[in-house]
Structure formats: C-alpha cells, structure tokens
Amino acid sequence: FLAMAWYRQAPGKERELVAQIASGGTTSYADSVKGR
C-alpha cells in the first residue's frame, strides 16, 4: 500500500534519491545506480 524508496547521504553531501517503487510496483532509479 506504500510508495517506498531508498535514499542515501554521503558525508558532506545532501540526501539523494537512489531508487523508488510505487505501490503498483513501478520502479525507477537514479542514473548513477541504474543497471547496478
């Protein structure tokens, strides 16, 4: 029932979106992690 995601925050950097999955199952990725 949830829209969920993974974020990450490196030292000295802002928190960034890594990947997300909608309640319906659709996924998307940051370009930096796509394919990995």
PDB file of all heavy atoms in Angstrom:
ATOM      1  N   PHE A   1       0.817  -1.220   0.000  1.00  0.00           N
ATOM      2  CA  PHE A   1       0.000   0.000   0.000  1.00  0.00           C
ATOM      3  C   PHE A   1       0.847   1.264   0.000  1.00  0.00           C
ATOM      4  O   PHE A   1       0.314   2.372  -0.068  1.00  0.00           O
ATOM      5  CB  PHE A   1      -0.907   0.026   1.231  1.00  0.00           C
ATOM      6  CG  PHE A   1      -1.948  -1.057   1.259  1.00  0.00           C
ATOM      7  CD1 PHE A   1      -2.483  -1.485   2.463  1.00  0.00           C
ATOM      8  CD2 PHE A   1      -2.395  -1.641   0.098  1.00  0.00           C
ATOM      9  CE1 PHE A   1      -3.444  -2.485   2.499  1.00  0.00           C
ATOM     10  CE2 PHE A   1      -3.350  -2.644   0.112  1.00  0.00           C
ATOM     11  CZ  PHE A   1      -3.873  -3.067   1.327  1.00  0.00           C
ATOM     12  N   LEU A   2       2.169   1.116   0.112  1.00  0.00           N
ATOM     13  CA  LEU A   2       3.062   2.251   0.299  1.00  0.00           C
ATOM     14  C   LEU A   2       3.842   2.572  -0.970  1.00  0.00           C
ATOM     15  O   LEU A   2       4.223   1.665  -1.715  1.00  0.00           O
ATOM     16  CB  LEU A   2       4.062   1.958   1.412  1.00  0.00           C
ATOM     17  CG  LEU A   2       3.488   1.617   2.788  1.00  0.00           C
ATOM     18  CD1 LEU A   2       4.609   1.177   3.732  1.00  0.00           C
ATOM     19  CD2 LEU A   2       2.743   2.800   3.369  1.00  0.00           C
ATOM     20  N   ALA A   3       4.098   3.834  -1.182  1.00  0.00           N
ATOM     21  CA  ALA A   3       5.138   4.257  -2.103  1.00  0.00           C
ATOM     22  C   ALA A   3       6.425   4.280  -1.291  1.00  0.00           C
ATOM     23  O   ALA A   3       6.478   4.939  -0.253  1.00  0.00           O
ATOM     24  CB  ALA A   3       4.839   5.632  -2.671  1.00  0.00           C
ATOM     25  N   MET A   4       7.429   3.558  -1.741  1.00  0.00           N
ATOM     26  CA  MET A   4       8.639   3.418  -0.941  1.00  0.00           C
ATOM     27  C   MET A   4       9.876   3.743  -1.771  1.00  0.00           C
ATOM     28  O   MET A   4       9.837   3.730  -3.004  1.00  0.00           O
ATOM     29  CB  MET A   4       8.743   1.998  -0.375  1.00  0.00           C
ATOM     30  CG  MET A   4       7.573   1.622   0.510  1.00  0.00           C
ATOM     31  SD  MET A   4       7.778   0.024   1.312  1.00  0.00           S
ATOM     32  CE  MET A   4       9.021   0.438   2.556  1.00  0.00           C
ATOM     33  N   ALA A   5      10.959   4.011  -1.080  1.00  0.00           N
ATOM     34  CA  ALA A   5      12.182   4.392  -1.779  1.00  0.00           C
ATOM     35  C   ALA A   5      13.393   4.163  -0.882  1.00  0.00           C
ATOM     36  O   ALA A   5      13.268   3.983   0.330  1.00  0.00           O
ATOM     37  CB  ALA A   5      12.127   5.859  -2.188  1.00  0.00           C
ATOM     38  N   TRP A   6      14.545   4.165  -1.500  1.00  0.00           N
ATOM     39  CA  TRP A   6      15.837   4.201  -0.811  1.00  0.00           C
ATOM     40  C   TRP A   6      16.502   5.535  -1.159  1.00  0.00           C
ATOM     41  O   TRP A   6      16.585   5.917  -2.333  1.00  0.00           O
ATOM     42  CB  TRP A   6      16.733   3.060  -1.252  1.00  0.00           C
ATOM     43  CG  TRP A   6      16.301   1.731  -0.760  1.00  0.00           C
ATOM     44  CD1 TRP A   6      15.552   0.804  -1.415  1.00  0.00           C
ATOM     45  CD2 TRP A   6      16.603   1.169   0.530  1.00  0.00           C
ATOM     46  NE1 TRP A   6      15.351  -0.305  -0.626  1.00  0.00           N
ATOM     47  CE2 TRP A   6      15.980  -0.108   0.580  1.00  0.00           C
ATOM     48  CE3 TRP A   6      17.319   1.608   1.638  1.00  0.00           C
ATOM     49  CZ2 TRP A   6      16.077  -0.942   1.691  1.00  0.00           C
ATOM     50  CZ3 TRP A   6      17.405   0.785   2.742  1.00  0.00           C
ATOM     51  CH2 TRP A   6      16.788  -0.477   2.767  1.00  0.00           C
ATOM     52  N   TYR A   7      16.979   6.205  -0.107  1.00  0.00           N
ATOM     53  CA  TYR A   7      17.786   7.397  -0.250  1.00  0.00           C
ATOM     54  C   TYR A   7      19.159   7.107   0.341  1.00  0.00           C
ATOM     55  O   TYR A   7      19.329   6.149   1.099  1.00  0.00           O
ATOM     56  CB  TYR A   7      17.169   8.567   0.513  1.00  0.00           C
ATOM     57  CG  TYR A   7      15.983   9.220  -0.151  1.00  0.00           C
ATOM     58  CD1 TYR A   7      14.731   8.611  -0.140  1.00  0.00           C
ATOM     59  CD2 TYR A   7      16.102  10.454  -0.776  1.00  0.00           C
ATOM     60  CE1 TYR A   7      13.631   9.216  -0.745  1.00  0.00           C
ATOM     61  CE2 TYR A   7      15.017  11.069  -1.378  1.00  0.00           C
ATOM     62  CZ  TYR A   7      13.786  10.450  -1.355  1.00  0.00           C
ATOM     63  OH  TYR A   7      12.699  11.049  -1.951  1.00  0.00           O
ATOM     64  N   ARG A   8      20.115   7.946   0.023  1.00  0.00           N
ATOM     65  CA  ARG A   8      21.422   7.840   0.647  1.00  0.00           C
ATOM     66  C   ARG A   8      21.994   9.231   0.880  1.00  0.00           C
ATOM     67  O   ARG A   8      21.656  10.184   0.187  1.00  0.00           O
ATOM     68  CB  ARG A   8      22.380   6.997  -0.189  1.00  0.00           C
ATOM     69  CG  ARG A   8      22.785   7.626  -1.516  1.00  0.00           C
ATOM     70  CD  ARG A   8      23.651   6.651  -2.314  1.00  0.00           C
ATOM     71  NE  ARG A   8      24.079   7.211  -3.595  1.00  0.00           N
ATOM     72  CZ  ARG A   8      24.725   6.530  -4.542  1.00  0.00           C
ATOM     73  NH1 ARG A   8      25.023   5.238  -4.336  1.00  0.00           N
ATOM     74  NH2 ARG A   8      25.070   7.109  -5.668  1.00  0.00           N
ATOM     75  N   GLN A   9      22.871   9.283   1.886  1.00  0.00           N
ATOM     76  CA  GLN A   9      23.540  10.536   2.209  1.00  0.00           C
ATOM     77  C   GLN A   9      25.000  10.250   2.518  1.00  0.00           C
ATOM     78  O   GLN A   9      25.306   9.533   3.475  1.00  0.00           O
ATOM     79  CB  GLN A   9      22.871  11.241   3.387  1.00  0.00           C
ATOM     80  CG  GLN A   9      23.410  12.627   3.647  1.00  0.00           C
ATOM     81  CD  GLN A   9      22.530  13.416   4.584  1.00  0.00           C
ATOM     82  OE1 GLN A   9      21.714  12.878   5.312  1.00  0.00           O
ATOM     83  NE2 GLN A   9      22.676  14.739   4.553  1.00  0.00           N
ATOM     84  N   ALA A  10      25.867  10.802   1.695  1.00  0.00           N
ATOM     85  CA  ALA A  10      27.302  10.673   1.900  1.00  0.00           C
ATOM     86  C   ALA A  10      27.783  11.842   2.755  1.00  0.00           C
ATOM     87  O   ALA A  10      27.136  12.895   2.807  1.00  0.00           O
ATOM     88  CB  ALA A  10      28.016  10.661   0.554  1.00  0.00           C
ATOM     89  N   PRO A  11      28.928  11.676   3.417  1.00  0.00           N
ATOM     90  CA  PRO A  11      29.449  12.756   4.256  1.00  0.00           C
ATOM     91  C   PRO A  11      29.615  14.056   3.472  1.00  0.00           C
ATOM     92  O   PRO A  11      30.195  14.068   2.387  1.00  0.00           O
ATOM     93  CB  PRO A  11      30.800  12.215   4.719  1.00  0.00           C
ATOM     94  CG  PRO A  11      30.649  10.737   4.658  1.00  0.00           C
ATOM     95  CD  PRO A  11      29.762  10.471   3.485  1.00  0.00           C
ATOM     96  N   GLY A  12      29.067  15.136   4.018  1.00  0.00           N
ATOM     97  CA  GLY A  12      29.199  16.436   3.385  1.00  0.00           C
ATOM     98  C   GLY A  12      28.294  16.669   2.200  1.00  0.00           C
ATOM     99  O   GLY A  12      28.405  17.707   1.537  1.00  0.00           O
ATOM    100  N   LYS A  13      27.411  15.712   1.919  1.00  0.00           N
ATOM    101  CA  LYS A  13      26.523  15.840   0.760  1.00  0.00           C
ATOM    102  C   LYS A  13      25.070  15.795   1.204  1.00  0.00           C
ATOM    103  O   LYS A  13      24.746  15.330   2.291  1.00  0.00           O
ATOM    104  CB  LYS A  13      26.804  14.739  -0.256  1.00  0.00           C
ATOM    105  CG  LYS A  13      28.179  14.826  -0.891  1.00  0.00           C
ATOM    106  CD  LYS A  13      28.320  13.822  -2.020  1.00  0.00           C
ATOM    107  CE  LYS A  13      29.667  13.973  -2.718  1.00  0.00           C
ATOM    108  NZ  LYS A  13      29.804  13.021  -3.856  1.00  0.00           N
ATOM    109  N   GLU A  14      24.198  16.261   0.334  1.00  0.00           N
ATOM    110  CA  GLU A  14      22.770  16.209   0.623  1.00  0.00           C
ATOM    111  C   GLU A  14      22.230  14.798   0.390  1.00  0.00           C
ATOM    112  O   GLU A  14      22.798  14.018  -0.380  1.00  0.00           O
ATOM    113  CB  GLU A  14      22.026  17.210  -0.262  1.00  0.00           C
ATOM    114  CG  GLU A  14      22.344  18.655   0.030  1.00  0.00           C
ATOM    115  CD  GLU A  14      21.441  19.621  -0.720  1.00  0.00           C
ATOM    116  OE1 GLU A  14      20.657  19.162  -1.566  1.00  0.00           O
ATOM    117  OE2 GLU A  14      21.534  20.831  -0.463  1.00  0.00           O
ATOM    118  N   ARG A  15      21.133  14.513   1.056  1.00  0.00           N
ATOM    119  CA  ARG A  15      20.476  13.222   0.847  1.00  0.00           C
ATOM    120  C   ARG A  15      19.929  13.167  -0.572  1.00  0.00           C
ATOM    121  O   ARG A  15      19.340  14.128  -1.056  1.00  0.00           O
ATOM    122  CB  ARG A  15      19.349  13.044   1.869  1.00  0.00           C
ATOM    123  CG  ARG A  15      18.799  11.651   1.961  1.00  0.00           C
ATOM    124  CD  ARG A  15      17.839  11.506   3.133  1.00  0.00           C
ATOM    125  NE  ARG A  15      18.506  11.705   4.410  1.00  0.00           N
ATOM    126  CZ  ARG A  15      17.934  11.464   5.587  1.00  0.00           C
ATOM    127  NH1 ARG A  15      16.681  11.014   5.635  1.00  0.00           N
ATOM    128  NH2 ARG A  15      18.588  11.692   6.699  1.00  0.00           N
ATOM    129  N   GLU A  16      20.120  12.022  -1.224  1.00  0.00           N
ATOM    130  CA  GLU A  16      19.669  11.879  -2.605  1.00  0.00           C
ATOM    131  C   GLU A  16      18.849  10.608  -2.783  1.00  0.00           C
ATOM    132  O   GLU A  16      19.074   9.599  -2.107  1.00  0.00           O
ATOM    133  CB  GLU A  16      20.864  11.851  -3.569  1.00  0.00           C
ATOM    134  CG  GLU A  16      21.806  10.683  -3.378  1.00  0.00           C
ATOM    135  CD  GLU A  16      22.885  10.611  -4.444  1.00  0.00           C
ATOM    136  OE1 GLU A  16      22.866  11.407  -5.408  1.00  0.00           O
ATOM    137  OE2 GLU A  16      23.765   9.726  -4.326  1.00  0.00           O
ATOM    138  N   LEU A  17      17.930  10.683  -3.726  1.00  0.00           N
ATOM    139  CA  LEU A  17      17.103   9.537  -4.054  1.00  0.00           C
ATOM    140  C   LEU A  17      17.907   8.529  -4.861  1.00  0.00           C
ATOM    141  O   LEU A  17      18.554   8.884  -5.847  1.00  0.00           O
ATOM    142  CB  LEU A  17      15.882   9.989  -4.861  1.00  0.00           C
ATOM    143  CG  LEU A  17      14.946   8.910  -5.358  1.00  0.00           C
ATOM    144  CD1 LEU A  17      14.301   8.171  -4.189  1.00  0.00           C
ATOM    145  CD2 LEU A  17      13.883   9.517  -6.263  1.00  0.00           C
ATOM    146  N   VAL A  18      17.851   7.279  -4.449  1.00  0.00           N
ATOM    147  CA  VAL A  18      18.576   6.208  -5.132  1.00  0.00           C
ATOM    148  C   VAL A  18      17.646   5.401  -6.024  1.00  0.00           C
ATOM    149  O   VAL A  18      17.931   5.176  -7.200  1.00  0.00           O
ATOM    150  CB  VAL A  18      19.252   5.277  -4.109  1.00  0.00           C
ATOM    151  CG1 VAL A  18      19.915   4.092  -4.809  1.00  0.00           C
ATOM    152  CG2 VAL A  18      20.268   6.040  -3.268  1.00  0.00           C
ATOM    153  N   ALA A  19      16.529   4.955  -5.440  1.00  0.00           N
ATOM    154  CA  ALA A  19      15.584   4.122  -6.177  1.00  0.00           C
ATOM    155  C   ALA A  19      14.234   4.216  -5.488  1.00  0.00           C
ATOM    156  O   ALA A  19      14.170   4.433  -4.277  1.00  0.00           O
ATOM    157  CB  ALA A  19      16.049   2.673  -6.227  1.00  0.00           C
ATOM    158  N   GLN A  20      13.176   4.025  -6.259  1.00  0.00           N
ATOM    159  CA  GLN A  20      11.839   4.074  -5.688  1.00  0.00           C
ATOM    160  C   GLN A  20      10.951   3.020  -6.323  1.00  0.00           C
ATOM    161  O   GLN A  20      11.178   2.609  -7.461  1.00  0.00           O
ATOM    162  CB  GLN A  20      11.213   5.456  -5.817  1.00  0.00           C
ATOM    163  CG  GLN A  20      11.163   6.011  -7.219  1.00  0.00           C
ATOM    164  CD  GLN A  20      10.704   7.468  -7.224  1.00  0.00           C
ATOM    165  OE1 GLN A  20      10.060   7.941  -6.291  1.00  0.00           O
ATOM    166  NE2 GLN A  20      11.044   8.182  -8.276  1.00  0.00           N
ATOM    167  N   ILE A  21       9.952   2.608  -5.554  1.00  0.00           N
ATOM    168  CA  ILE A  21       8.990   1.632  -6.022  1.00  0.00           C
ATOM    169  C   ILE A  21       7.598   2.109  -5.613  1.00  0.00           C
ATOM    170  O   ILE A  21       7.343   2.379  -4.443  1.00  0.00           O
ATOM    171  CB  ILE A  21       9.313   0.212  -5.488  1.00  0.00           C
ATOM    172  CG1 ILE A  21       8.330  -0.817  -6.034  1.00  0.00           C
ATOM    173  CG2 ILE A  21       9.380   0.166  -3.972  1.00  0.00           C
ATOM    174  CD1 ILE A  21       8.805  -2.267  -5.823  1.00  0.00           C
ATOM    175  N   ALA A  22       6.738   2.252  -6.590  1.00  0.00           N
ATOM    176  CA  ALA A  22       5.387   2.721  -6.324  1.00  0.00           C
ATOM    177  C   ALA A  22       4.540   1.589  -5.746  1.00  0.00           C
ATOM    178  O   ALA A  22       4.915   0.415  -5.822  1.00  0.00           O
ATOM    179  CB  ALA A  22       4.763   3.240  -7.613  1.00  0.00           C
ATOM    180  N   SER A  23       3.401   1.953  -5.182  1.00  0.00           N
ATOM    181  CA  SER A  23       2.529   0.926  -4.617  1.00  0.00           C
ATOM    182  C   SER A  23       2.113  -0.080  -5.693  1.00  0.00           C
ATOM    183  O   SER A  23       1.937  -1.269  -5.397  1.00  0.00           O
ATOM    184  CB  SER A  23       1.297   1.568  -3.984  1.00  0.00           C
ATOM    185  OG  SER A  23       0.606   2.372  -4.925  1.00  0.00           O
ATOM    186  N   GLY A  24       2.030   0.368  -6.932  1.00  0.00           N
ATOM    187  CA  GLY A  24       1.678  -0.530  -8.020  1.00  0.00           C
ATOM    188  C   GLY A  24       2.833  -1.361  -8.530  1.00  0.00           C
ATOM    189  O   GLY A  24       2.639  -2.258  -9.361  1.00  0.00           O
ATOM    190  N   GLY A  25       4.051  -1.074  -8.032  1.00  0.00           N
ATOM    191  CA  GLY A  25       5.210  -1.875  -8.391  1.00  0.00           C
ATOM    192  C   GLY A  25       6.159  -1.244  -9.387  1.00  0.00           C
ATOM    193  O   GLY A  25       7.236  -1.778  -9.641  1.00  0.00           O
ATOM    194  N   THR A  26       5.803  -0.107  -9.953  1.00  0.00           N
ATOM    195  CA  THR A  26       6.693   0.568 -10.895  1.00  0.00           C
ATOM    196  C   THR A  26       7.949   1.044 -10.180  1.00  0.00           C
ATOM    197  O   THR A  26       7.868   1.590  -9.079  1.00  0.00           O
ATOM    198  CB  THR A  26       5.988   1.765 -11.536  1.00  0.00           C
ATOM    199  OG1 THR A  26       4.797   1.315 -12.193  1.00  0.00           O
ATOM    200  CG2 THR A  26       6.889   2.441 -12.554  1.00  0.00           C
ATOM    201  N   THR A  27       9.092   0.828 -10.809  1.00  0.00           N
ATOM    202  CA  THR A  27      10.366   1.212 -10.203  1.00  0.00           C
ATOM    203  C   THR A  27      11.081   2.256 -11.050  1.00  0.00           C
ATOM    204  O   THR A  27      10.865   2.354 -12.265  1.00  0.00           O
ATOM    205  CB  THR A  27      11.283  -0.002 -10.029  1.00  0.00           C
ATOM    206  OG1 THR A  27      11.533  -0.580 -11.327  1.00  0.00           O
ATOM    207  CG2 THR A  27      10.632  -1.047  -9.136  1.00  0.00           C
ATOM    208  N   SER A  28      11.940   3.021 -10.392  1.00  0.00           N
ATOM    209  CA  SER A  28      12.807   3.955 -11.096  1.00  0.00           C
ATOM    210  C   SER A  28      14.082   4.132 -10.299  1.00  0.00           C
ATOM    211  O   SER A  28      14.109   3.848  -9.089  1.00  0.00           O
ATOM    212  CB  SER A  28      12.112   5.298 -11.329  1.00  0.00           C
ATOM    213  OG  SER A  28      11.789   5.911 -10.106  1.00  0.00           O
ATOM    214  N   TYR A  29      15.138   4.595 -11.001  1.00  0.00           N
ATOM    215  CA  TYR A  29      16.462   4.646 -10.400  1.00  0.00           C
ATOM    216  C   TYR A  29      17.175   5.946 -10.752  1.00  0.00           C
ATOM    217  O   TYR A  29      16.961   6.526 -11.819  1.00  0.00           O
ATOM    218  CB  TYR A  29      17.306   3.472 -10.909  1.00  0.00           C
ATOM    219  CG  TYR A  29      16.746   2.135 -10.576  1.00  0.00           C
ATOM    220  CD1 TYR A  29      15.841   1.502 -11.416  1.00  0.00           C
ATOM    221  CD2 TYR A  29      17.111   1.488  -9.391  1.00  0.00           C
ATOM    222  CE1 TYR A  29      15.304   0.264 -11.101  1.00  0.00           C
ATOM    223  CE2 TYR A  29      16.583   0.254  -9.061  1.00  0.00           C
ATOM    224  CZ  TYR A  29      15.674  -0.353  -9.924  1.00  0.00           C
ATOM    225  OH  TYR A  29      15.150  -1.574  -9.596  1.00  0.00           O
ATOM    226  N   ALA A  30      18.061   6.346  -9.861  1.00  0.00           N
ATOM    227  CA  ALA A  30      18.978   7.431 -10.181  1.00  0.00           C
ATOM    228  C   ALA A  30      19.926   6.947 -11.276  1.00  0.00           C
ATOM    229  O   ALA A  30      20.283   5.765 -11.330  1.00  0.00           O
ATOM    230  CB  ALA A  30      19.765   7.839  -8.948  1.00  0.00           C
ATOM    231  N   ASP A  31      20.348   7.865 -12.136  1.00  0.00           N
ATOM    232  CA  ASP A  31      21.242   7.486 -13.234  1.00  0.00           C
ATOM    233  C   ASP A  31      22.527   6.846 -12.718  1.00  0.00           C
ATOM    234  O   ASP A  31      23.091   5.958 -13.360  1.00  0.00           O
ATOM    235  CB  ASP A  31      21.577   8.714 -14.082  1.00  0.00           C
ATOM    236  CG  ASP A  31      20.404   9.173 -14.936  1.00  0.00           C
ATOM    237  OD1 ASP A  31      19.459   8.374 -15.130  1.00  0.00           O
ATOM    238  OD2 ASP A  31      20.437  10.332 -15.389  1.00  0.00           O
ATOM    239  N   SER A  32      22.988   7.293 -11.561  1.00  0.00           N
ATOM    240  CA  SER A  32      24.261   6.817 -11.027  1.00  0.00           C
ATOM    241  C   SER A  32      24.228   5.352 -10.606  1.00  0.00           C
ATOM    242  O   SER A  32      25.286   4.731 -10.460  1.00  0.00           O
ATOM    243  CB  SER A  32      24.692   7.679  -9.833  1.00  0.00           C
ATOM    244  OG  SER A  32      23.706   7.642  -8.824  1.00  0.00           O
ATOM    245  N   VAL A  33      23.036   4.786 -10.410  1.00  0.00           N
ATOM    246  CA  VAL A  33      22.946   3.402  -9.956  1.00  0.00           C
ATOM    247  C   VAL A  33      22.222   2.502 -10.952  1.00  0.00           C
ATOM    248  O   VAL A  33      22.150   1.288 -10.755  1.00  0.00           O
ATOM    249  CB  VAL A  33      22.262   3.300  -8.577  1.00  0.00           C
ATOM    250  CG1 VAL A  33      22.935   4.213  -7.574  1.00  0.00           C
ATOM    251  CG2 VAL A  33      20.773   3.612  -8.676  1.00  0.00           C
ATOM    252  N   LYS A  34      21.709   3.084 -12.021  1.00  0.00           N
ATOM    253  CA  LYS A  34      20.931   2.323 -12.993  1.00  0.00           C
ATOM    254  C   LYS A  34      21.783   1.196 -13.566  1.00  0.00           C
ATOM    255  O   LYS A  34      22.936   1.411 -13.961  1.00  0.00           O
ATOM    256  CB  LYS A  34      20.446   3.256 -14.093  1.00  0.00           C
ATOM    257  CG  LYS A  34      19.215   2.785 -14.834  1.00  0.00           C
ATOM    258  CD  LYS A  34      18.680   3.892 -15.723  1.00  0.00           C
ATOM    259  CE  LYS A  34      18.112   5.056 -14.937  1.00  0.00           C
ATOM    260  NZ  LYS A  34      17.500   6.088 -15.825  1.00  0.00           N
ATOM    261  N   GLY A  35      21.217   0.003 -13.592  1.00  0.00           N
ATOM    262  CA  GLY A  35      21.940  -1.158 -14.094  1.00  0.00           C
ATOM    263  C   GLY A  35      22.768  -1.883 -13.050  1.00  0.00           C
ATOM    264  O   GLY A  35      23.246  -2.987 -13.300  1.00  0.00           O
ATOM    265  N   ARG A  36      22.945  -1.252 -11.881  1.00  0.00           N
ATOM    266  CA  ARG A  36      23.734  -1.879 -10.813  1.00  0.00           C
ATOM    267  C   ARG A  36      22.868  -2.215  -9.593  1.00  0.00           C
ATOM    268  O   ARG A  36      23.145  -3.198  -8.901  1.00  0.00           O
ATOM    269  CB  ARG A  36      24.871  -0.948 -10.370  1.00  0.00           C
ATOM    270  CG  ARG A  36      25.847  -0.607 -11.469  1.00  0.00           C
ATOM    271  CD  ARG A  36      27.057   0.156 -10.910  1.00  0.00           C
ATOM    272  NE  ARG A  36      26.690   1.434 -10.322  1.00  0.00           N
ATOM    273  CZ  ARG A  36      26.974   1.773  -9.064  1.00  0.00           C
ATOM    274  NH1 ARG A  36      27.609   0.943  -8.267  1.00  0.00           N
ATOM    275  NH2 ARG A  36      26.616   2.974  -8.608  1.00  0.00           N
TER     276      ARG A  36
END
